[in-house]
Structures are given as structure tokens and as C-alpha cells.
Amino acid sequence: MDPADYIRFPFALMAVLGLIALIAFGVRRLGAIGPIPHSADKRLSVRESVALDPKRRLVLVRRDGVEHLLLLGGERETIVESHIQEARAEASSSADAMDPAPRKDGPAAGRILQLFQDPS
């Protein structure tokens, strides 16, 4: 390779990246991609996710102001608790923040413990 090739390579790379950026800007400007959704428009979101072990994960999903606790992984997916109201979840989280010791009671605690003891 000539020393001139080493000089031409960075300029060619910048030209190609510039063309890609120009095309992306043009497509976005013309609206070919469509409007970009804002976070306020989303109906579905993952509030929290906790890994229980390498195969299983607890996920708190929020849809239209209602939260659902799901156990994902393993052999199947399980709904641990459904239709958790947002106000109830905020009240319990503020109560947990004031309580230094973690609580092991509640409607879903027995089901979670049962899932750990009997994986089938």
C-alpha cells in the first residue's frame, strides 16, 4: 500500500459516514419513519425487573395504570399477581421505605415462596 492510501482511507470513511447521516436526516425530515412516539404516549412499560436466578426473573409490568407481577423464565411464564392498582403500589412502596426490615407477608408472598419450593 502506498502512503497516500493511508491518507485517503480516513477521508473516505468520513465521506461515507457523512452520507449515511445525511440520508438518515433526510428520511427523518421527510417523515418516512413517522412521528417519534413520546414517553407519555406509551401504554405499556416495565416498572422493575429482578433476577431471581440465572433462569428466572420477576418483572413488574404497568399497563394503563394497572400493574402486573410476572415470573418469567424456566419452563413457563406465570402471573404472580394481577391488577395491582398504582395508588396501592405507591402506598406500599412508601411504607416499605419507612420499614427497615423487609416484610414477608402479603398476597403474593405465599405464591412466590410456593414457586421457589416447588419449581414444577
PDB file of N, CA and C in Angstrom:
ATOM      1  N   MET A   1       0.845  -1.186   0.000  1.00  0.00           N
ATOM      2  CA  MET A   1       0.000   0.000   0.000  1.00  0.00           C
ATOM      3  C   MET A   1       0.884   1.241   0.000  1.00  0.00           C
ATOM      4  N   ASP A   2       0.444   2.213  -0.719  1.00  0.00           N
ATOM      5  CA  ASP A   2       1.149   3.480  -0.771  1.00  0.00           C
ATOM      6  C   ASP A   2       0.841   4.294   0.477  1.00  0.00           C
ATOM      7  N   PRO A   3       1.720   5.192   0.838  1.00  0.00           N
ATOM      8  CA  PRO A   3       1.402   6.105   1.952  1.00  0.00           C
ATOM      9  C   PRO A   3       0.192   6.978   1.641  1.00  0.00           C
ATOM     10  N   ALA A   4      -0.074   7.211   0.392  1.00  0.00           N
ATOM     11  CA  ALA A   4      -1.248   8.010   0.015  1.00  0.00           C
ATOM     12  C   ALA A   4      -2.550   7.268   0.362  1.00  0.00           C
ATOM     13  N   ASP A   5      -2.530   5.939   0.316  1.00  0.00           N
ATOM     14  CA  ASP A   5      -3.715   5.162   0.688  1.00  0.00           C
ATOM     15  C   ASP A   5      -4.062   5.353   2.156  1.00  0.00           C
ATOM     16  N   TYR A   6      -3.052   5.459   2.989  1.00  0.00           N
ATOM     17  CA  TYR A   6      -3.291   5.680   4.414  1.00  0.00           C
ATOM     18  C   TYR A   6      -3.904   7.056   4.671  1.00  0.00           C
ATOM     19  N   ILE A   7      -3.660   7.991   3.796  1.00  0.00           N
ATOM     20  CA  ILE A   7      -4.241   9.326   3.936  1.00  0.00           C
ATOM     21  C   ILE A   7      -5.659   9.356   3.364  1.00  0.00           C
ATOM     22  N   ARG A   8      -5.903   8.631   2.278  1.00  0.00           N
ATOM     23  CA  ARG A   8      -7.225   8.616   1.647  1.00  0.00           C
ATOM     24  C   ARG A   8      -8.262   7.852   2.476  1.00  0.00           C
ATOM     25  N   PHE A   9      -7.832   6.830   3.205  1.00  0.00           N
ATOM     26  CA  PHE A   9      -8.778   5.997   3.964  1.00  0.00           C
ATOM     27  C   PHE A   9      -9.602   6.803   4.969  1.00  0.00           C
ATOM     28  N   PRO A  10      -9.015   7.637   5.857  1.00  0.00           N
ATOM     29  CA  PRO A  10      -9.856   8.392   6.806  1.00  0.00           C
ATOM     30  C   PRO A  10     -10.821   9.346   6.112  1.00  0.00           C
ATOM     31  N   PHE A  11     -10.397   9.960   4.995  1.00  0.00           N
ATOM     32  CA  PHE A  11     -11.293  10.864   4.285  1.00  0.00           C
ATOM     33  C   PHE A  11     -12.450  10.103   3.631  1.00  0.00           C
ATOM     34  N   ALA A  12     -12.190   8.933   3.094  1.00  0.00           N
ATOM     35  CA  ALA A  12     -13.257   8.120   2.504  1.00  0.00           C
ATOM     36  C   ALA A  12     -14.235   7.655   3.582  1.00  0.00           C
ATOM     37  N   LEU A  13     -13.706   7.282   4.738  1.00  0.00           N
ATOM     38  CA  LEU A  13     -14.561   6.856   5.843  1.00  0.00           C
ATOM     39  C   LEU A  13     -15.454   8.002   6.308  1.00  0.00           C
ATOM     40  N   MET A  14     -14.889   9.201   6.449  1.00  0.00           N
ATOM     41  CA  MET A  14     -15.696  10.360   6.861  1.00  0.00           C
ATOM     42  C   MET A  14     -16.751  10.690   5.812  1.00  0.00           C
ATOM     43  N   ALA A  15     -16.416  10.541   4.522  1.00  0.00           N
ATOM     44  CA  ALA A  15     -17.381  10.819   3.466  1.00  0.00           C
ATOM     45  C   ALA A  15     -18.548   9.835   3.520  1.00  0.00           C
ATOM     46  N   VAL A  16     -18.260   8.559   3.728  1.00  0.00           N
ATOM     47  CA  VAL A  16     -19.327   7.546   3.798  1.00  0.00           C
ATOM     48  C   VAL A  16     -20.200   7.774   5.025  1.00  0.00           C
ATOM     49  N   LEU A  17     -19.601   8.045   6.177  1.00  0.00           N
ATOM     50  CA  LEU A  17     -20.394   8.312   7.382  1.00  0.00           C
ATOM     51  C   LEU A  17     -21.226   9.579   7.224  1.00  0.00           C
ATOM     52  N   GLY A  18     -20.681  10.580   6.558  1.00  0.00           N
ATOM     53  CA  GLY A  18     -21.434  11.803   6.296  1.00  0.00           C
ATOM     54  C   GLY A  18     -22.633  11.558   5.401  1.00  0.00           C
ATOM     55  N   LEU A  19     -22.467  10.726   4.383  1.00  0.00           N
ATOM     56  CA  LEU A  19     -23.589  10.387   3.510  1.00  0.00           C
ATOM     57  C   LEU A  19     -24.675   9.621   4.262  1.00  0.00           C
ATOM     58  N   ILE A  20     -24.265   8.712   5.119  1.00  0.00           N
ATOM     59  CA  ILE A  20     -25.248   7.960   5.921  1.00  0.00           C
ATOM     60  C   ILE A  20     -26.026   8.909   6.822  1.00  0.00           C
ATOM     61  N   ALA A  21     -25.335   9.835   7.471  1.00  0.00           N
ATOM     62  CA  ALA A  21     -26.003  10.805   8.346  1.00  0.00           C
ATOM     63  C   ALA A  21     -26.929  11.707   7.550  1.00  0.00           C
ATOM     64  N   LEU A  22     -26.514  12.125   6.364  1.00  0.00           N
ATOM     65  CA  LEU A  22     -27.337  12.987   5.526  1.00  0.00           C
ATOM     66  C   LEU A  22     -28.603  12.267   5.069  1.00  0.00           C
ATOM     67  N   ILE A  23     -28.483  11.016   4.689  1.00  0.00           N
ATOM     68  CA  ILE A  23     -29.654  10.231   4.277  1.00  0.00           C
ATOM     69  C   ILE A  23     -30.596  10.012   5.461  1.00  0.00           C
ATOM     70  N   ALA A  24     -30.048   9.699   6.625  1.00  0.00           N
ATOM     71  CA  ALA A  24     -30.884   9.493   7.811  1.00  0.00           C
ATOM     72  C   ALA A  24     -31.628  10.777   8.179  1.00  0.00           C
ATOM     73  N   PHE A  25     -30.939  11.919   8.097  1.00  0.00           N
ATOM     74  CA  PHE A  25     -31.586  13.199   8.398  1.00  0.00           C
ATOM     75  C   PHE A  25     -32.700  13.485   7.392  1.00  0.00           C
ATOM     76  N   GLY A  26     -32.441  13.214   6.119  1.00  0.00           N
ATOM     77  CA  GLY A  26     -33.441  13.453   5.087  1.00  0.00           C
ATOM     78  C   GLY A  26     -34.664  12.577   5.251  1.00  0.00           C
ATOM     79  N   VAL A  27     -34.454  11.325   5.543  1.00  0.00           N
ATOM     80  CA  VAL A  27     -35.583  10.404   5.735  1.00  0.00           C
ATOM     81  C   VAL A  27     -36.407  10.823   6.942  1.00  0.00           C
ATOM     82  N   ARG A  28     -35.736  11.214   7.996  1.00  0.00           N
ATOM     83  CA  ARG A  28     -36.442  11.629   9.199  1.00  0.00           C
ATOM     84  C   ARG A  28     -37.172  12.950   8.975  1.00  0.00           C
ATOM     85  N   ARG A  29     -36.544  13.846   8.255  1.00  0.00           N
ATOM     86  CA  ARG A  29     -37.136  15.155   7.983  1.00  0.00           C
ATOM     87  C   ARG A  29     -38.378  15.028   7.100  1.00  0.00           C
ATOM     88  N   LEU A  30     -38.338  14.135   6.136  1.00  0.00           N
ATOM     89  CA  LEU A  30     -39.478  13.945   5.244  1.00  0.00           C
ATOM     90  C   LEU A  30     -40.603  13.155   5.902  1.00  0.00           C
ATOM     91  N   GLY A  31     -40.331  12.554   7.029  1.00  0.00           N
ATOM     92  CA  GLY A  31     -41.370  11.837   7.755  1.00  0.00           C
ATOM     93  C   GLY A  31     -41.596  10.429   7.269  1.00  0.00           C
ATOM     94  N   ALA A  32     -40.621   9.842   6.603  1.00  0.00           N
ATOM     95  CA  ALA A  32     -40.783   8.473   6.118  1.00  0.00           C
ATOM     96  C   ALA A  32     -40.851   7.485   7.275  1.00  0.00           C
ATOM     97  N   ILE A  33     -40.189   7.794   8.364  1.00  0.00           N
ATOM     98  CA  ILE A  33     -40.204   6.912   9.525  1.00  0.00           C
ATOM     99  C   ILE A  33     -41.502   7.095  10.310  1.00  0.00           C
ATOM    100  N   GLY A  34     -42.079   8.282  10.272  1.00  0.00           N
ATOM    101  CA  GLY A  34     -43.297   8.560  11.015  1.00  0.00           C
ATOM    102  C   GLY A  34     -42.970   9.332  12.267  1.00  0.00           C
ATOM    103  N   PRO A  35     -43.978   9.760  12.974  1.00  0.00           N
ATOM    104  CA  PRO A  35     -43.722  10.526  14.189  1.00  0.00           C
ATOM    105  C   PRO A  35     -43.055   9.654  15.252  1.00  0.00           C
ATOM    106  N   ILE A  36     -42.163  10.253  15.975  1.00  0.00           N
ATOM    107  CA  ILE A  36     -41.471   9.545  17.049  1.00  0.00           C
ATOM    108  C   ILE A  36     -42.367   9.568  18.279  1.00  0.00           C
ATOM    109  N   PRO A  37     -42.732   8.401  18.830  1.00  0.00           N
ATOM    110  CA  PRO A  37     -43.635   8.390  19.987  1.00  0.00           C
ATOM    111  C   PRO A  37     -42.939   8.965  21.223  1.00  0.00           C
ATOM    112  N   HIS A  38     -43.693   9.745  21.970  1.00  0.00           N
ATOM    113  CA  HIS A  38     -43.176  10.294  23.211  1.00  0.00           C
ATOM    114  C   HIS A  38     -43.462   9.330  24.348  1.00  0.00           C
ATOM    115  N   SER A  39     -42.749   9.478  25.440  1.00  0.00           N
ATOM    116  CA  SER A  39     -42.924   8.550  26.555  1.00  0.00           C
ATOM    117  C   SER A  39     -44.320   8.656  27.169  1.00  0.00           C
ATOM    118  N   ALA A  40     -44.979   9.808  27.025  1.00  0.00           N
ATOM    119  CA  ALA A  40     -46.323   9.957  27.576  1.00  0.00           C
ATOM    120  C   ALA A  40     -47.344   9.154  26.777  1.00  0.00           C
ATOM    121  N   ASP A  41     -47.025   8.837  25.511  1.00  0.00           N
ATOM    122  CA  ASP A  41     -47.954   8.099  24.672  1.00  0.00           C
ATOM    123  C   ASP A  41     -47.914   6.593  24.924  1.00  0.00           C
ATOM    124  N   LYS A  42     -46.928   6.119  25.654  1.00  0.00           N
ATOM    125  CA  LYS A  42     -46.791   4.683  25.876  1.00  0.00           C
ATOM    126  C   LYS A  42     -47.846   4.184  26.851  1.00  0.00           C
ATOM    127  N   ARG A  43     -48.417   3.045  26.533  1.00  0.00           N
ATOM    128  CA  ARG A  43     -49.386   2.418  27.428  1.00  0.00           C
ATOM    129  C   ARG A  43     -48.751   1.300  28.235  1.00  0.00           C
ATOM    130  N   LEU A  44     -47.638   0.762  27.754  1.00  0.00           N
ATOM    131  CA  LEU A  44     -47.006  -0.389  28.379  1.00  0.00           C
ATOM    132  C   LEU A  44     -45.587  -0.027  28.780  1.00  0.00           C
ATOM    133  N   SER A  45     -45.218  -0.374  30.025  1.00  0.00           N
ATOM    134  CA  SER A  45     -43.857  -0.113  30.476  1.00  0.00           C
ATOM    135  C   SER A  45     -43.458  -1.164  31.508  1.00  0.00           C
ATOM    136  N   VAL A  46     -42.166  -1.392  31.586  1.00  0.00           N
ATOM    137  CA  VAL A  46     -41.609  -2.289  32.600  1.00  0.00           C
ATOM    138  C   VAL A  46     -41.167  -1.420  33.760  1.00  0.00           C
ATOM    139  N   ARG A  47     -41.812  -1.584  34.899  1.00  0.00           N
ATOM    140  CA  ARG A  47     -41.510  -0.746  36.060  1.00  0.00           C
ATOM    141  C   ARG A  47     -40.259  -1.219  36.779  1.00  0.00           C
ATOM    142  N   GLU A  48     -40.153  -2.517  37.017  1.00  0.00           N
ATOM    143  CA  GLU A  48     -38.997  -3.090  37.708  1.00  0.00           C
ATOM    144  C   GLU A  48     -38.762  -4.494  37.208  1.00  0.00           C
ATOM    145  N   SER A  49     -37.528  -4.947  37.354  1.00  0.00           N
ATOM    146  CA  SER A  49     -37.167  -6.298  36.969  1.00  0.00           C
ATOM    147  C   SER A  49     -36.089  -6.784  37.926  1.00  0.00           C
ATOM    148  N   VAL A  50     -36.285  -7.975  38.473  1.00  0.00           N
ATOM    149  CA  VAL A  50     -35.342  -8.541  39.439  1.00  0.00           C
ATOM    150  C   VAL A  50     -35.003  -9.964  39.013  1.00  0.00           C
ATOM    151  N   ALA A  51     -33.710 -10.259  38.919  1.00  0.00           N
ATOM    152  CA  ALA A  51     -33.274 -11.614  38.579  1.00  0.00           C
ATOM    153  C   ALA A  51     -33.298 -12.465  39.842  1.00  0.00           C
ATOM    154  N   LEU A  52     -34.039 -13.558  39.792  1.00  0.00           N
ATOM    155  CA  LEU A  52     -34.104 -14.467  40.932  1.00  0.00           C
ATOM    156  C   LEU A  52     -32.967 -15.477  40.887  1.00  0.00           C
ATOM    157  N   ASP A  53     -32.719 -16.012  39.729  1.00  0.00           N
ATOM    158  CA  ASP A  53     -31.610 -16.924  39.479  1.00  0.00           C
ATOM    159  C   ASP A  53     -31.277 -16.797  37.994  1.00  0.00           C
ATOM    160  N   PRO A  54     -30.296 -17.554  37.482  1.00  0.00           N
ATOM    161  CA  PRO A  54     -29.922 -17.369  36.077  1.00  0.00           C
ATOM    162  C   PRO A  54     -31.047 -17.610  35.067  1.00  0.00           C
ATOM    163  N   LYS A  55     -32.061 -18.367  35.447  1.00  0.00           N
ATOM    164  CA  LYS A  55     -33.134 -18.687  34.504  1.00  0.00           C
ATOM    165  C   LYS A  55     -34.417 -17.921  34.740  1.00  0.00           C
ATOM    166  N   ARG A  56     -34.652 -17.453  35.967  1.00  0.00           N
ATOM    167  CA  ARG A  56     -35.937 -16.839  36.286  1.00  0.00           C
ATOM    168  C   ARG A  56     -35.783 -15.375  36.672  1.00  0.00           C
ATOM    169  N   ARG A  57     -36.846 -14.612  36.389  1.00  0.00           N
ATOM    170  CA  ARG A  57     -36.830 -13.177  36.639  1.00  0.00           C
ATOM    171  C   ARG A  57     -38.243 -12.732  37.006  1.00  0.00           C
ATOM    172  N   LEU A  58     -38.357 -11.884  38.036  1.00  0.00           N
ATOM    173  CA  LEU A  58     -39.630 -11.255  38.390  1.00  0.00           C
ATOM    174  C   LEU A  58     -39.695  -9.907  37.680  1.00  0.00           C
ATOM    175  N   VAL A  59     -40.810  -9.641  36.999  1.00  0.00           N
ATOM    176  CA  VAL A  59     -40.958  -8.406  36.241  1.00  0.00           C
ATOM    177  C   VAL A  59     -42.275  -7.751  36.642  1.00  0.00           C
ATOM    178  N   LEU A  60     -42.209  -6.467  36.979  1.00  0.00           N
ATOM    179  CA  LEU A  60     -43.399  -5.683  37.287  1.00  0.00           C
ATOM    180  C   LEU A  60     -43.720  -4.849  36.050  1.00  0.00           C
ATOM    181  N   VAL A  61     -44.852  -5.156  35.413  1.00  0.00           N
ATOM    182  CA  VAL A  61     -45.254  -4.517  34.162  1.00  0.00           C
ATOM    183  C   VAL A  61     -46.440  -3.606  34.445  1.00  0.00           C
ATOM    184  N   ARG A  62     -46.434  -2.410  33.869  1.00  0.00           N
ATOM    185  CA  ARG A  62     -47.542  -1.467  34.052  1.00  0.00           C
ATOM    186  C   ARG A  62     -48.224  -1.244  32.712  1.00  0.00           C
ATOM    187  N   ARG A  63     -49.556  -1.393  32.703  1.00  0.00           N
ATOM    188  CA  ARG A  63     -50.350  -1.154  31.506  1.00  0.00           C
ATOM    189  C   ARG A  63     -51.598  -0.381  31.891  1.00  0.00           C
ATOM    190  N   ASP A  64     -51.772   0.798  31.314  1.00  0.00           N
ATOM    191  CA  ASP A  64     -52.945   1.642  31.557  1.00  0.00           C
ATOM    192  C   ASP A  64     -53.190   1.885  33.045  1.00  0.00           C
ATOM    193  N   GLY A  65     -52.135   2.132  33.800  1.00  0.00           N
ATOM    194  CA  GLY A  65     -52.275   2.447  35.218  1.00  0.00           C
ATOM    195  C   GLY A  65     -52.450   1.242  36.117  1.00  0.00           C
ATOM    196  N   VAL A  66     -52.426   0.051  35.573  1.00  0.00           N
ATOM    197  CA  VAL A  66     -52.576  -1.178  36.353  1.00  0.00           C
ATOM    198  C   VAL A  66     -51.281  -1.970  36.232  1.00  0.00           C
ATOM    199  N   GLU A  67     -50.797  -2.474  37.363  1.00  0.00           N
ATOM    200  CA  GLU A  67     -49.542  -3.217  37.359  1.00  0.00           C
ATOM    201  C   GLU A  67     -49.797  -4.715  37.492  1.00  0.00           C
ATOM    202  N   HIS A  68     -48.913  -5.502  36.877  1.00  0.00           N
ATOM    203  CA  HIS A  68     -48.989  -6.956  36.924  1.00  0.00           C
ATOM    204  C   HIS A  68     -47.605  -7.476  37.272  1.00  0.00           C
ATOM    205  N   LEU A  69     -47.523  -8.439  38.185  1.00  0.00           N
ATOM    206  CA  LEU A  69     -46.263  -9.053  38.574  1.00  0.00           C
ATOM    207  C   LEU A  69     -46.144 -10.391  37.861  1.00  0.00           C
ATOM    208  N   LEU A  70     -45.089 -10.551  37.052  1.00  0.00           N
ATOM    209  CA  LEU A  70     -44.903 -11.749  36.246  1.00  0.00           C
ATOM    210  C   LEU A  70     -43.627 -12.455  36.644  1.00  0.00           C
ATOM    211  N   LEU A  71     -43.651 -13.776  36.608  1.00  0.00           N
ATOM    212  CA  LEU A  71     -42.461 -14.601  36.816  1.00  0.00           C
ATOM    213  C   LEU A  71     -42.112 -15.194  35.455  1.00  0.00           C
ATOM    214  N   LEU A  72     -40.980 -14.766  34.891  1.00  0.00           N
ATOM    215  CA  LEU A  72     -40.569 -15.181  33.553  1.00  0.00           C
ATOM    216  C   LEU A  72     -39.391 -16.125  33.630  1.00  0.00           C
ATOM    217  N   GLY A  73     -39.317 -17.039  32.679  1.00  0.00           N
ATOM    218  CA  GLY A  73     -38.192 -17.955  32.595  1.00  0.00           C
ATOM    219  C   GLY A  73     -38.567 -19.337  33.095  1.00  0.00           C
ATOM    220  N   GLY A  74     -37.569 -20.196  33.098  1.00  0.00           N
ATOM    221  CA  GLY A  74     -37.825 -21.571  33.494  1.00  0.00           C
ATOM    222  C   GLY A  74     -38.611 -22.283  32.415  1.00  0.00           C
ATOM    223  N   GLU A  75     -39.555 -23.091  32.808  1.00  0.00           N
ATOM    224  CA  GLU A  75     -40.358 -23.843  31.847  1.00  0.00           C
ATOM    225  C   GLU A  75     -41.549 -23.057  31.336  1.00  0.00           C
ATOM    226  N   ARG A  76     -42.018 -22.079  32.112  1.00  0.00           N
ATOM    227  CA  ARG A  76     -43.211 -21.341  31.716  1.00  0.00           C
ATOM    228  C   ARG A  76     -43.202 -19.957  32.353  1.00  0.00           C
ATOM    229  N   GLU A  77     -44.093 -19.098  31.879  1.00  0.00           N
ATOM    230  CA  GLU A  77     -44.292 -17.780  32.453  1.00  0.00           C
ATOM    231  C   GLU A  77     -45.536 -17.830  33.333  1.00  0.00           C
ATOM    232  N   THR A  78     -45.476 -17.159  34.483  1.00  0.00           N
ATOM    233  CA  THR A  78     -46.563 -17.223  35.446  1.00  0.00           C
ATOM    234  C   THR A  78     -46.948 -15.823  35.882  1.00  0.00           C
ATOM    235  N   ILE A  79     -48.237 -15.558  35.982  1.00  0.00           N
ATOM    236  CA  ILE A  79     -48.722 -14.304  36.553  1.00  0.00           C
ATOM    237  C   ILE A  79     -48.818 -14.516  38.051  1.00  0.00           C
ATOM    238  N   VAL A  80     -47.970 -13.831  38.798  1.00  0.00           N
ATOM    239  CA  VAL A  80     -47.956 -13.988  40.251  1.00  0.00           C
ATOM    240  C   VAL A  80     -49.082 -13.180  40.870  1.00  0.00           C
ATOM    241  N   GLU A  81     -49.201 -11.932  40.456  1.00  0.00           N
ATOM    242  CA  GLU A  81     -50.268 -11.074  40.958  1.00  0.00           C
ATOM    243  C   GLU A  81     -50.725 -10.172  39.832  1.00  0.00           C
ATOM    244  N   SER A  82     -52.031  -9.989  39.736  1.00  0.00           N
ATOM    245  CA  SER A  82     -52.577  -9.224  38.628  1.00  0.00           C
ATOM    246  C   SER A  82     -53.435  -8.084  39.155  1.00  0.00           C
ATOM    247  N   HIS A  83     -53.623  -7.070  38.333  1.00  0.00           N
ATOM    248  CA  HIS A  83     -54.475  -5.916  38.632  1.00  0.00           C
ATOM    249  C   HIS A  83     -54.053  -5.200  39.907  1.00  0.00           C
ATOM    250  N   ILE A  84     -52.778  -4.918  40.033  1.00  0.00           N
ATOM    251  CA  ILE A  84     -52.270  -4.142  41.162  1.00  0.00           C
ATOM    252  C   ILE A  84     -52.519  -2.682  40.821  1.00  0.00           C
ATOM    253  N   GLN A  85     -53.289  -1.996  41.631  1.00  0.00           N
ATOM    254  CA  GLN A  85     -53.589  -0.591  41.360  1.00  0.00           C
ATOM    255  C   GLN A  85     -52.366   0.258  41.658  1.00  0.00           C
ATOM    256  N   GLU A  86     -52.178   1.332  40.882  1.00  0.00           N
ATOM    257  CA  GLU A  86     -50.988   2.168  41.021  1.00  0.00           C
ATOM    258  C   GLU A  86     -50.937   2.839  42.386  1.00  0.00           C
ATOM    259  N   ALA A  87     -52.053   3.331  42.897  1.00  0.00           N
ATOM    260  CA  ALA A  87     -52.062   4.003  44.194  1.00  0.00           C
ATOM    261  C   ALA A  87     -51.680   3.029  45.295  1.00  0.00           C
ATOM    262  N   ARG A  88     -52.142   1.790  45.200  1.00  0.00           N
ATOM    263  CA  ARG A  88     -51.799   0.778  46.192  1.00  0.00           C
ATOM    264  C   ARG A  88     -50.314   0.445  46.146  1.00  0.00           C
ATOM    265  N   ALA A  89     -49.750   0.402  44.952  1.00  0.00           N
ATOM    266  CA  ALA A  89     -48.330   0.103  44.807  1.00  0.00           C
ATOM    267  C   ALA A  89     -47.485   1.231  45.361  1.00  0.00           C
ATOM    268  N   GLU A  90     -47.890   2.499  45.140  1.00  0.00           N
ATOM    269  CA  GLU A  90     -47.136   3.628  45.672  1.00  0.00           C
ATOM    270  C   GLU A  90     -47.220   3.661  47.184  1.00  0.00           C
ATOM    271  N   ALA A  91     -48.403   3.354  47.750  1.00  0.00           N
ATOM    272  CA  ALA A  91     -48.558   3.364  49.200  1.00  0.00           C
ATOM    273  C   ALA A  91     -47.711   2.281  49.844  1.00  0.00           C
ATOM    274  N   SER A  92     -47.679   1.099  49.242  1.00  0.00           N
ATOM    275  CA  SER A  92     -46.888   0.020  49.819  1.00  0.00           C
ATOM    276  C   SER A  92     -45.402   0.297  49.673  1.00  0.00           C
ATOM    277  N   SER A  93     -44.982   0.956  48.579  1.00  0.00           N
ATOM    278  CA  SER A  93     -43.558   1.256  48.415  1.00  0.00           C
ATOM    279  C   SER A  93     -43.116   2.311  49.405  1.00  0.00           C
ATOM    280  N   SER A  94     -43.980   3.286  49.721  1.00  0.00           N
ATOM    281  CA  SER A  94     -43.603   4.286  50.715  1.00  0.00           C
ATOM    282  C   SER A  94     -43.591   3.671  52.111  1.00  0.00           C
ATOM    283  N   ALA A  95     -44.486   2.711  52.380  1.00  0.00           N
ATOM    284  CA  ALA A  95     -44.479   2.030  53.674  1.00  0.00           C
ATOM    285  C   ALA A  95     -43.245   1.151  53.804  1.00  0.00           C
ATOM    286  N   ASP A  96     -42.823   0.492  52.718  1.00  0.00           N
ATOM    287  CA  ASP A  96     -41.615  -0.320  52.742  1.00  0.00           C
ATOM    288  C   ASP A  96     -40.376   0.532  52.944  1.00  0.00           C
ATOM    289  N   ALA A  97     -40.397   1.741  52.414  1.00  0.00           N
ATOM    290  CA  ALA A  97     -39.242   2.622  52.570  1.00  0.00           C
ATOM    291  C   ALA A  97     -39.069   3.035  54.017  1.00  0.00           C
ATOM    292  N   MET A  98     -40.179   3.160  54.768  1.00  0.00           N
ATOM    293  CA  MET A  98     -40.090   3.531  56.176  1.00  0.00           C
ATOM    294  C   MET A  98     -39.773   2.331  57.060  1.00  0.00           C
ATOM    295  N   ASP A  99     -40.117   1.129  56.620  1.00  0.00           N
ATOM    296  CA  ASP A  99     -39.903  -0.083  57.388  1.00  0.00           C
ATOM    297  C   ASP A  99     -38.496  -0.612  57.102  1.00  0.00           C
ATOM    298  N   PRO A 100     -37.602  -0.646  58.100  1.00  0.00           N
ATOM    299  CA  PRO A 100     -36.236  -1.095  57.828  1.00  0.00           C
ATOM    300  C   PRO A 100     -36.127  -2.582  57.533  1.00  0.00           C
ATOM    301  N   ALA A 101     -37.015  -3.404  58.086  1.00  0.00           N
ATOM    302  CA  ALA A 101     -36.952  -4.848  57.864  1.00  0.00           C
ATOM    303  C   ALA A 101     -37.876  -5.214  56.711  1.00  0.00           C
ATOM    304  N   PRO A 102     -37.427  -6.032  55.766  1.00  0.00           N
ATOM    305  CA  PRO A 102     -38.312  -6.430  54.667  1.00  0.00           C
ATOM    306  C   PRO A 102     -39.445  -7.308  55.164  1.00  0.00           C
ATOM    307  N   ARG A 103     -40.629  -7.072  54.609  1.00  0.00           N
ATOM    308  CA  ARG A 103     -41.793  -7.845  55.026  1.00  0.00           C
ATOM    309  C   ARG A 103     -41.902  -9.099  54.186  1.00  0.00           C
ATOM    310  N   LYS A 104     -42.358 -10.177  54.808  1.00  0.00           N
ATOM    311  CA  LYS A 104     -42.504 -11.443  54.095  1.00  0.00           C
ATOM    312  C   LYS A 104     -43.958 -11.885  54.078  1.00  0.00           C
ATOM    313  N   ASP A 105     -44.856 -10.913  54.225  1.00  0.00           N
ATOM    314  CA  ASP A 105     -46.272 -11.253  54.164  1.00  0.00           C
ATOM    315  C   ASP A 105     -46.887 -10.540  52.978  1.00  0.00           C
ATOM    316  N   GLY A 106     -48.142 -10.687  52.776  1.00  0.00           N
ATOM    317  CA  GLY A 106     -48.817 -10.046  51.652  1.00  0.00           C
ATOM    318  C   GLY A 106     -49.408 -11.099  50.739  1.00  0.00           C
ATOM    319  N   PRO A 107     -50.255 -10.679  49.813  1.00  0.00           N
ATOM    320  CA  PRO A 107     -50.972 -11.651  48.986  1.00  0.00           C
ATOM    321  C   PRO A 107     -50.079 -12.445  48.051  1.00  0.00           C
ATOM    322  N   ALA A 108     -48.996 -11.844  47.564  1.00  0.00           N
ATOM    323  CA  ALA A 108     -48.153 -12.548  46.594  1.00  0.00           C
ATOM    324  C   ALA A 108     -47.012 -13.312  47.251  1.00  0.00           C
ATOM    325  N   ALA A 109     -46.727 -13.045  48.511  1.00  0.00           N
ATOM    326  CA  ALA A 109     -45.567 -13.666  49.150  1.00  0.00           C
ATOM    327  C   ALA A 109     -45.706 -15.179  49.237  1.00  0.00           C
ATOM    328  N   GLY A 110     -46.895 -15.668  49.576  1.00  0.00           N
ATOM    329  CA  GLY A 110     -47.100 -17.114  49.672  1.00  0.00           C
ATOM    330  C   GLY A 110     -46.946 -17.799  48.336  1.00  0.00           C
ATOM    331  N   ARG A 111     -47.445 -17.155  47.281  1.00  0.00           N
ATOM    332  CA  ARG A 111     -47.325 -17.750  45.951  1.00  0.00           C
ATOM    333  C   ARG A 111     -45.886 -17.768  45.469  1.00  0.00           C
ATOM    334  N   ILE A 112     -45.132 -16.722  45.766  1.00  0.00           N
ATOM    335  CA  ILE A 112     -43.725 -16.679  45.355  1.00  0.00           C
ATOM    336  C   ILE A 112     -42.941 -17.748  46.101  1.00  0.00           C
ATOM    337  N   LEU A 113     -43.172 -17.860  47.406  1.00  0.00           N
ATOM    338  CA  LEU A 113     -42.469 -18.882  48.181  1.00  0.00           C
ATOM    339  C   LEU A 113     -42.844 -20.279  47.698  1.00  0.00           C
ATOM    340  N   GLN A 114     -44.105 -20.483  47.335  1.00  0.00           N
ATOM    341  CA  GLN A 114     -44.536 -21.781  46.832  1.00  0.00           C
ATOM    342  C   GLN A 114     -43.843 -22.093  45.504  1.00  0.00           C
ATOM    343  N   LEU A 115     -43.648 -21.103  44.656  1.00  0.00           N
ATOM    344  CA  LEU A 115     -42.963 -21.311  43.391  1.00  0.00           C
ATOM    345  C   LEU A 115     -41.506 -21.694  43.607  1.00  0.00           C
ATOM    346  N   PHE A 116     -40.874 -21.110  44.634  1.00  0.00           N
ATOM    347  CA  PHE A 116     -39.484 -21.453  44.912  1.00  0.00           C
ATOM    348  C   PHE A 116     -39.360 -22.865  45.454  1.00  0.00           C
ATOM    349  N   GLN A 117     -40.323 -23.288  46.271  1.00  0.00           N
ATOM    350  CA  GLN A 117     -40.225 -24.608  46.865  1.00  0.00           C
ATOM    351  C   GLN A 117     -40.581 -25.702  45.868  1.00  0.00           C
ATOM    352  N   ASP A 118     -41.532 -25.425  44.982  1.00  0.00           N
ATOM    353  CA  ASP A 118     -41.975 -26.426  44.007  1.00  0.00           C
ATOM    354  C   ASP A 118     -41.805 -25.864  42.620  1.00  0.00           C
ATOM    355  N   PRO A 119     -40.671 -26.095  41.925  1.00  0.00           N
ATOM    356  CA  PRO A 119     -40.442 -25.488  40.628  1.00  0.00           C
ATOM    357  C   PRO A 119     -41.306 -26.057  39.501  1.00  0.00           C
ATOM    358  N   SER A 120     -42.001 -27.147  39.714  1.00  0.00           N
ATOM    359  CA  SER A 120     -42.821 -27.720  38.640  1.00  0.00           C
ATOM    360  C   SER A 120     -44.202 -27.143  38.602  1.00  0.00           C
TER     361      SER A 120
END
